[in-house]
PDB file of N, CA and C in Angstrom:
ATOM      1  N   UNK A   1     -29.643 -28.635   2.908  1.00  0.00           N
ATOM      2  CA  UNK A   1     -28.497 -28.640   3.786  1.00  0.00           C
ATOM      3  C   UNK A   1     -27.347 -27.829   3.171  1.00  0.00           C
ATOM      4  N   UNK A   2     -27.124 -28.014   1.889  1.00  0.00           N
ATOM      5  CA  UNK A   2     -26.065 -27.277   1.206  1.00  0.00           C
ATOM      6  C   UNK A   2     -26.351 -25.774   1.216  1.00  0.00           C
ATOM      7  N   UNK A   3     -27.607 -25.428   1.026  1.00  0.00           N
ATOM      8  CA  UNK A   3     -27.987 -24.013   1.056  1.00  0.00           C
ATOM      9  C   UNK A   3     -27.697 -23.410   2.425  1.00  0.00           C
ATOM     10  N   UNK A   4     -27.991 -24.146   3.479  1.00  0.00           N
ATOM     11  CA  UNK A   4     -27.695 -23.673   4.832  1.00  0.00           C
ATOM     12  C   UNK A   4     -26.205 -23.463   5.040  1.00  0.00           C
ATOM     13  N   UNK A   5     -25.398 -24.365   4.530  1.00  0.00           N
ATOM     14  CA  UNK A   5     -23.941 -24.233   4.640  1.00  0.00           C
ATOM     15  C   UNK A   5     -23.445 -23.004   3.873  1.00  0.00           C
ATOM     16  N   UNK A   6     -23.989 -22.779   2.694  1.00  0.00           N
ATOM     17  CA  UNK A   6     -23.593 -21.608   1.908  1.00  0.00           C
ATOM     18  C   UNK A   6     -23.961 -20.310   2.617  1.00  0.00           C
ATOM     19  N   UNK A   7     -25.135 -20.264   3.221  1.00  0.00           N
ATOM     20  CA  UNK A   7     -25.541 -19.067   3.962  1.00  0.00           C
ATOM     21  C   UNK A   7     -24.640 -18.837   5.169  1.00  0.00           C
ATOM     22  N   UNK A   8     -24.288 -19.911   5.857  1.00  0.00           N
ATOM     23  CA  UNK A   8     -23.393 -19.785   7.010  1.00  0.00           C
ATOM     24  C   UNK A   8     -22.012 -19.301   6.572  1.00  0.00           C
ATOM     25  N   UNK A   9     -21.516 -19.810   5.474  1.00  0.00           N
ATOM     26  CA  UNK A   9     -20.208 -19.379   4.980  1.00  0.00           C
ATOM     27  C   UNK A   9     -20.225 -17.900   4.582  1.00  0.00           C
ATOM     28  N   UNK A  10     -21.332 -17.461   4.013  1.00  0.00           N
ATOM     29  CA  UNK A  10     -21.447 -16.048   3.651  1.00  0.00           C
ATOM     30  C   UNK A  10     -21.384 -15.170   4.895  1.00  0.00           C
ATOM     31  N   UNK A  11     -22.020 -15.602   5.965  1.00  0.00           N
ATOM     32  CA  UNK A  11     -22.000 -14.832   7.213  1.00  0.00           C
ATOM     33  C   UNK A  11     -20.599 -14.783   7.805  1.00  0.00           C
ATOM     34  N   UNK A  12     -19.834 -15.832   7.629  1.00  0.00           N
ATOM     35  CA  UNK A  12     -18.457 -15.850   8.126  1.00  0.00           C
ATOM     36  C   UNK A  12     -17.567 -14.976   7.238  1.00  0.00           C
ATOM     37  N   UNK A  13     -17.798 -15.027   5.944  1.00  0.00           N
ATOM     38  CA  UNK A  13     -16.947 -14.318   4.991  1.00  0.00           C
ATOM     39  C   UNK A  13     -17.168 -12.806   5.014  1.00  0.00           C
ATOM     40  N   UNK A  14     -18.375 -12.368   5.258  1.00  0.00           N
ATOM     41  CA  UNK A  14     -18.689 -10.932   5.201  1.00  0.00           C
ATOM     42  C   UNK A  14     -17.808 -10.094   6.122  1.00  0.00           C
ATOM     43  N   UNK A  15     -17.653 -10.425   7.415  1.00  0.00           N
ATOM     44  CA  UNK A  15     -16.765  -9.614   8.264  1.00  0.00           C
ATOM     45  C   UNK A  15     -15.301  -9.686   7.834  1.00  0.00           C
ATOM     46  N   UNK A  16     -14.893 -10.812   7.296  1.00  0.00           N
ATOM     47  CA  UNK A  16     -13.510 -10.929   6.833  1.00  0.00           C
ATOM     48  C   UNK A  16     -13.252  -9.990   5.661  1.00  0.00           C
ATOM     49  N   UNK A  17     -14.204  -9.878   4.769  1.00  0.00           N
ATOM     50  CA  UNK A  17     -14.058  -8.947   3.649  1.00  0.00           C
ATOM     51  C   UNK A  17     -14.048  -7.510   4.134  1.00  0.00           C
ATOM     52  N   UNK A  18     -14.865  -7.200   5.122  1.00  0.00           N
ATOM     53  CA  UNK A  18     -14.910  -5.845   5.672  1.00  0.00           C
ATOM     54  C   UNK A  18     -13.594  -5.503   6.366  1.00  0.00           C
ATOM     55  N   UNK A  19     -12.955  -6.492   6.975  1.00  0.00           N
ATOM     56  CA  UNK A  19     -11.694  -6.271   7.680  1.00  0.00           C
ATOM     57  C   UNK A  19     -10.518  -6.135   6.720  1.00  0.00           C
ATOM     58  N   UNK A  20     -10.745  -6.388   5.461  1.00  0.00           N
ATOM     59  CA  UNK A  20      -9.684  -6.359   4.456  1.00  0.00           C
ATOM     60  C   UNK A  20      -9.526  -4.967   3.845  1.00  0.00           C
ATOM     61  N   UNK A  21      -9.689  -3.937   4.648  1.00  0.00           N
ATOM     62  CA  UNK A  21      -9.642  -2.566   4.159  1.00  0.00           C
ATOM     63  C   UNK A  21      -8.270  -2.203   3.627  1.00  0.00           C
ATOM     64  N   UNK A  22      -7.211  -2.716   4.207  1.00  0.00           N
ATOM     65  CA  UNK A  22      -5.869  -2.398   3.730  1.00  0.00           C
ATOM     66  C   UNK A  22      -5.683  -2.789   2.285  1.00  0.00           C
ATOM     67  N   UNK A  23      -6.116  -3.970   1.923  1.00  0.00           N
ATOM     68  CA  UNK A  23      -6.024  -4.425   0.537  1.00  0.00           C
ATOM     69  C   UNK A  23      -6.898  -3.553  -0.360  1.00  0.00           C
ATOM     70  N   UNK A  24      -8.088  -3.210   0.122  1.00  0.00           N
ATOM     71  CA  UNK A  24      -8.976  -2.348  -0.647  1.00  0.00           C
ATOM     72  C   UNK A  24      -8.395  -0.965  -0.823  1.00  0.00           C
ATOM     73  N   UNK A  25      -7.751  -0.453   0.216  1.00  0.00           N
ATOM     74  CA  UNK A  25      -7.145   0.871   0.152  1.00  0.00           C
ATOM     75  C   UNK A  25      -6.010   0.893  -0.864  1.00  0.00           C
ATOM     76  N   UNK A  26      -5.177  -0.132  -0.851  1.00  0.00           N
ATOM     77  CA  UNK A  26      -4.065  -0.196  -1.805  1.00  0.00           C
ATOM     78  C   UNK A  26      -4.580  -0.218  -3.237  1.00  0.00           C
ATOM     79  N   UNK A  27      -5.565  -1.061  -3.500  1.00  0.00           N
ATOM     80  CA  UNK A  27      -6.146  -1.123  -4.839  1.00  0.00           C
ATOM     81  C   UNK A  27      -6.814   0.184  -5.226  1.00  0.00           C
ATOM     82  N   UNK A  28      -7.496   0.789  -4.263  1.00  0.00           N
ATOM     83  CA  UNK A  28      -8.152   2.068  -4.518  1.00  0.00           C
ATOM     84  C   UNK A  28      -7.135   3.129  -4.907  1.00  0.00           C
ATOM     85  N   UNK A  29      -6.074   3.245  -4.124  1.00  0.00           N
ATOM     86  CA  UNK A  29      -5.071   4.272  -4.395  1.00  0.00           C
ATOM     87  C   UNK A  29      -4.374   4.047  -5.734  1.00  0.00           C
ATOM     88  N   UNK A  30      -4.210   2.791  -6.127  1.00  0.00           N
ATOM     89  CA  UNK A  30      -3.558   2.489  -7.406  1.00  0.00           C
ATOM     90  C   UNK A  30      -4.467   2.730  -8.611  1.00  0.00           C
ATOM     91  N   UNK A  31      -5.795   2.570  -8.429  1.00  0.00           N
ATOM     92  CA  UNK A  31      -6.685   2.496  -9.589  1.00  0.00           C
ATOM     93  C   UNK A  31      -7.896   3.414  -9.546  1.00  0.00           C
ATOM     94  N   UNK A  32      -7.998   4.283  -8.580  1.00  0.00           N
ATOM     95  CA  UNK A  32      -9.188   5.130  -8.445  1.00  0.00           C
ATOM     96  C   UNK A  32      -9.321   6.092  -9.617  1.00  0.00           C
ATOM     97  N   UNK A  33     -10.554   6.298 -10.021  1.00  0.00           N
ATOM     98  CA  UNK A  33     -10.857   7.283 -11.045  1.00  0.00           C
ATOM     99  C   UNK A  33     -11.092   8.635 -10.364  1.00  0.00           C
ATOM    100  N   UNK A  34     -11.039   9.723 -11.111  1.00  0.00           N
ATOM    101  CA  UNK A  34     -11.165  11.053 -10.502  1.00  0.00           C
ATOM    102  C   UNK A  34     -12.417  11.239  -9.647  1.00  0.00           C
ATOM    103  N   UNK A  35     -13.563  10.724 -10.085  1.00  0.00           N
ATOM    104  CA  UNK A  35     -14.774  10.886  -9.284  1.00  0.00           C
ATOM    105  C   UNK A  35     -14.686  10.107  -7.970  1.00  0.00           C
ATOM    106  N   UNK A  36     -13.974   8.990  -7.972  1.00  0.00           N
ATOM    107  CA  UNK A  36     -13.797   8.219  -6.739  1.00  0.00           C
ATOM    108  C   UNK A  36     -12.856   8.937  -5.779  1.00  0.00           C
ATOM    109  N   UNK A  37     -11.855   9.616  -6.310  1.00  0.00           N
ATOM    110  CA  UNK A  37     -10.957  10.412  -5.466  1.00  0.00           C
ATOM    111  C   UNK A  37     -11.727  11.585  -4.863  1.00  0.00           C
ATOM    112  N   UNK A  38     -12.596  12.212  -5.651  1.00  0.00           N
ATOM    113  CA  UNK A  38     -13.437  13.293  -5.123  1.00  0.00           C
ATOM    114  C   UNK A  38     -14.305  12.794  -3.975  1.00  0.00           C
ATOM    115  N   UNK A  39     -14.883  11.608  -4.124  1.00  0.00           N
ATOM    116  CA  UNK A  39     -15.687  11.026  -3.050  1.00  0.00           C
ATOM    117  C   UNK A  39     -14.831  10.808  -1.813  1.00  0.00           C
ATOM    118  N   UNK A  40     -13.606  10.341  -1.995  1.00  0.00           N
ATOM    119  CA  UNK A  40     -12.687  10.130  -0.877  1.00  0.00           C
ATOM    120  C   UNK A  40     -12.437  11.435  -0.129  1.00  0.00           C
ATOM    121  N   UNK A  41     -12.181  12.503  -0.857  1.00  0.00           N
ATOM    122  CA  UNK A  41     -11.878  13.795  -0.237  1.00  0.00           C
ATOM    123  C   UNK A  41     -13.107  14.356   0.471  1.00  0.00           C
ATOM    124  N   UNK A  42     -14.269  14.255  -0.150  1.00  0.00           N
ATOM    125  CA  UNK A  42     -15.473  14.880   0.382  1.00  0.00           C
ATOM    126  C   UNK A  42     -16.175  14.044   1.445  1.00  0.00           C
ATOM    127  N   UNK A  43     -16.190  12.711   1.288  1.00  0.00           N
ATOM    128  CA  UNK A  43     -17.010  11.864   2.155  1.00  0.00           C
ATOM    129  C   UNK A  43     -16.211  10.872   2.990  1.00  0.00           C
ATOM    130  N   UNK A  44     -14.936  10.715   2.705  1.00  0.00           N
ATOM    131  CA  UNK A  44     -14.110   9.809   3.482  1.00  0.00           C
ATOM    132  C   UNK A  44     -13.885   8.474   2.800  1.00  0.00           C
ATOM    133  N   UNK A  45     -13.034   7.682   3.430  1.00  0.00           N
ATOM    134  CA  UNK A  45     -12.609   6.408   2.849  1.00  0.00           C
ATOM    135  C   UNK A  45     -13.735   5.389   2.684  1.00  0.00           C
ATOM    136  N   UNK A  46     -14.602   5.168   3.692  1.00  0.00           N
ATOM    137  CA  UNK A  46     -15.632   4.137   3.501  1.00  0.00           C
ATOM    138  C   UNK A  46     -16.517   4.387   2.276  1.00  0.00           C
ATOM    139  N   UNK A  47     -16.950   5.613   2.082  1.00  0.00           N
ATOM    140  CA  UNK A  47     -17.795   5.928   0.925  1.00  0.00           C
ATOM    141  C   UNK A  47     -17.024   5.762  -0.379  1.00  0.00           C
ATOM    142  N   UNK A  48     -15.770   6.175  -0.391  1.00  0.00           N
ATOM    143  CA  UNK A  48     -14.961   6.057  -1.602  1.00  0.00           C
ATOM    144  C   UNK A  48     -14.700   4.594  -1.951  1.00  0.00           C
ATOM    145  N   UNK A  49     -14.394   3.774  -0.948  1.00  0.00           N
ATOM    146  CA  UNK A  49     -14.168   2.348  -1.210  1.00  0.00           C
ATOM    147  C   UNK A  49     -15.438   1.679  -1.717  1.00  0.00           C
ATOM    148  N   UNK A  50     -16.581   2.064  -1.169  1.00  0.00           N
ATOM    149  CA  UNK A  50     -17.843   1.482  -1.629  1.00  0.00           C
ATOM    150  C   UNK A  50     -18.088   1.829  -3.093  1.00  0.00           C
ATOM    151  N   UNK A  51     -17.844   3.071  -3.456  1.00  0.00           N
ATOM    152  CA  UNK A  51     -18.027   3.489  -4.848  1.00  0.00           C
ATOM    153  C   UNK A  51     -17.057   2.746  -5.769  1.00  0.00           C
ATOM    154  N   UNK A  52     -15.809   2.604  -5.339  1.00  0.00           N
ATOM    155  CA  UNK A  52     -14.785   1.891  -6.106  1.00  0.00           C
ATOM    156  C   UNK A  52     -15.164   0.416  -6.281  1.00  0.00           C
ATOM    157  N   UNK A  53     -15.579  -0.219  -5.206  1.00  0.00           N
ATOM    158  CA  UNK A  53     -15.954  -1.642  -5.275  1.00  0.00           C
ATOM    159  C   UNK A  53     -17.192  -1.848  -6.133  1.00  0.00           C
ATOM    160  N   UNK A  54     -18.129  -0.906  -6.067  1.00  0.00           N
ATOM    161  CA  UNK A  54     -19.326  -0.991  -6.901  1.00  0.00           C
ATOM    162  C   UNK A  54     -18.934  -0.961  -8.381  1.00  0.00           C
ATOM    163  N   UNK A  55     -17.991  -0.100  -8.755  1.00  0.00           N
ATOM    164  CA  UNK A  55     -17.519  -0.033 -10.139  1.00  0.00           C
ATOM    165  C   UNK A  55     -16.865  -1.355 -10.549  1.00  0.00           C
ATOM    166  N   UNK A  56     -16.073  -1.924  -9.662  1.00  0.00           N
ATOM    167  CA  UNK A  56     -15.411  -3.190  -9.993  1.00  0.00           C
ATOM    168  C   UNK A  56     -16.424  -4.318 -10.154  1.00  0.00           C
ATOM    169  N   UNK A  57     -17.459  -4.331  -9.314  1.00  0.00           N
ATOM    170  CA  UNK A  57     -18.489  -5.370  -9.430  1.00  0.00           C
ATOM    171  C   UNK A  57     -19.252  -5.253 -10.742  1.00  0.00           C
ATOM    172  N   UNK A  58     -19.486  -4.027 -11.201  1.00  0.00           N
ATOM    173  CA  UNK A  58     -20.195  -3.816 -12.469  1.00  0.00           C
ATOM    174  C   UNK A  58     -19.349  -4.240 -13.650  1.00  0.00           C
ATOM    175  N   UNK A  59     -18.043  -4.289 -13.459  1.00  0.00           N
ATOM    176  CA  UNK A  59     -17.158  -4.675 -14.553  1.00  0.00           C
ATOM    177  C   UNK A  59     -16.979  -3.573 -15.572  1.00  0.00           C
ATOM    178  N   UNK A  60     -17.097  -2.328 -15.121  1.00  0.00           N
ATOM    179  CA  UNK A  60     -16.918  -1.196 -16.025  1.00  0.00           C
ATOM    180  C   UNK A  60     -15.508  -1.207 -16.590  1.00  0.00           C
ATOM    181  N   UNK A  61     -15.373  -0.813 -17.845  1.00  0.00           N
ATOM    182  CA  UNK A  61     -14.025  -0.723 -18.393  1.00  0.00           C
ATOM    183  C   UNK A  61     -13.251   0.358 -17.671  1.00  0.00           C
ATOM    184  N   UNK A  62     -11.998   0.153 -17.556  1.00  0.00           N
ATOM    185  CA  UNK A  62     -11.156   1.122 -16.870  1.00  0.00           C
ATOM    186  C   UNK A  62      -9.880   0.456 -16.439  1.00  0.00           C
ATOM    187  N   UNK A  63      -9.025   1.238 -15.852  1.00  0.00           N
ATOM    188  CA  UNK A  63      -7.721   0.718 -15.443  1.00  0.00           C
ATOM    189  C   UNK A  63      -7.835   0.108 -14.052  1.00  0.00           C
ATOM    190  N   UNK A  64      -7.896  -1.195 -13.976  1.00  0.00           N
ATOM    191  CA  UNK A  64      -7.785  -1.886 -12.698  1.00  0.00           C
ATOM    192  C   UNK A  64      -7.215  -3.269 -12.954  1.00  0.00           C
ATOM    193  N   UNK A  65      -6.560  -3.769 -11.952  1.00  0.00           N
ATOM    194  CA  UNK A  65      -5.939  -5.079 -12.103  1.00  0.00           C
ATOM    195  C   UNK A  65      -6.481  -6.018 -11.040  1.00  0.00           C
ATOM    196  N   UNK A  66      -6.479  -7.277 -11.359  1.00  0.00           N
ATOM    197  CA  UNK A  66      -6.947  -8.285 -10.409  1.00  0.00           C
ATOM    198  C   UNK A  66      -5.933  -8.449  -9.303  1.00  0.00           C
ATOM    199  N   UNK A  67      -6.431  -8.615  -8.095  1.00  0.00           N
ATOM    200  CA  UNK A  67      -5.533  -8.795  -6.945  1.00  0.00           C
ATOM    201  C   UNK A  67      -5.233 -10.253  -6.727  1.00  0.00           C
TER     202      UNK A  67
END
């Protein structure tokens, strides 16, 4: 039962995180590395944010701050 509740909460949370682009954009603009800015220029914001978020999930060292 708990597992079912967790899966349902994940389904509710996923669109909310996707809708939080403004917060992601602000963090991206403050902390993007040069290769992430290149991705932004060449491929657009969605691809650049995905690359930026992937780096944050990996926990790579670099200049970023917790929101």
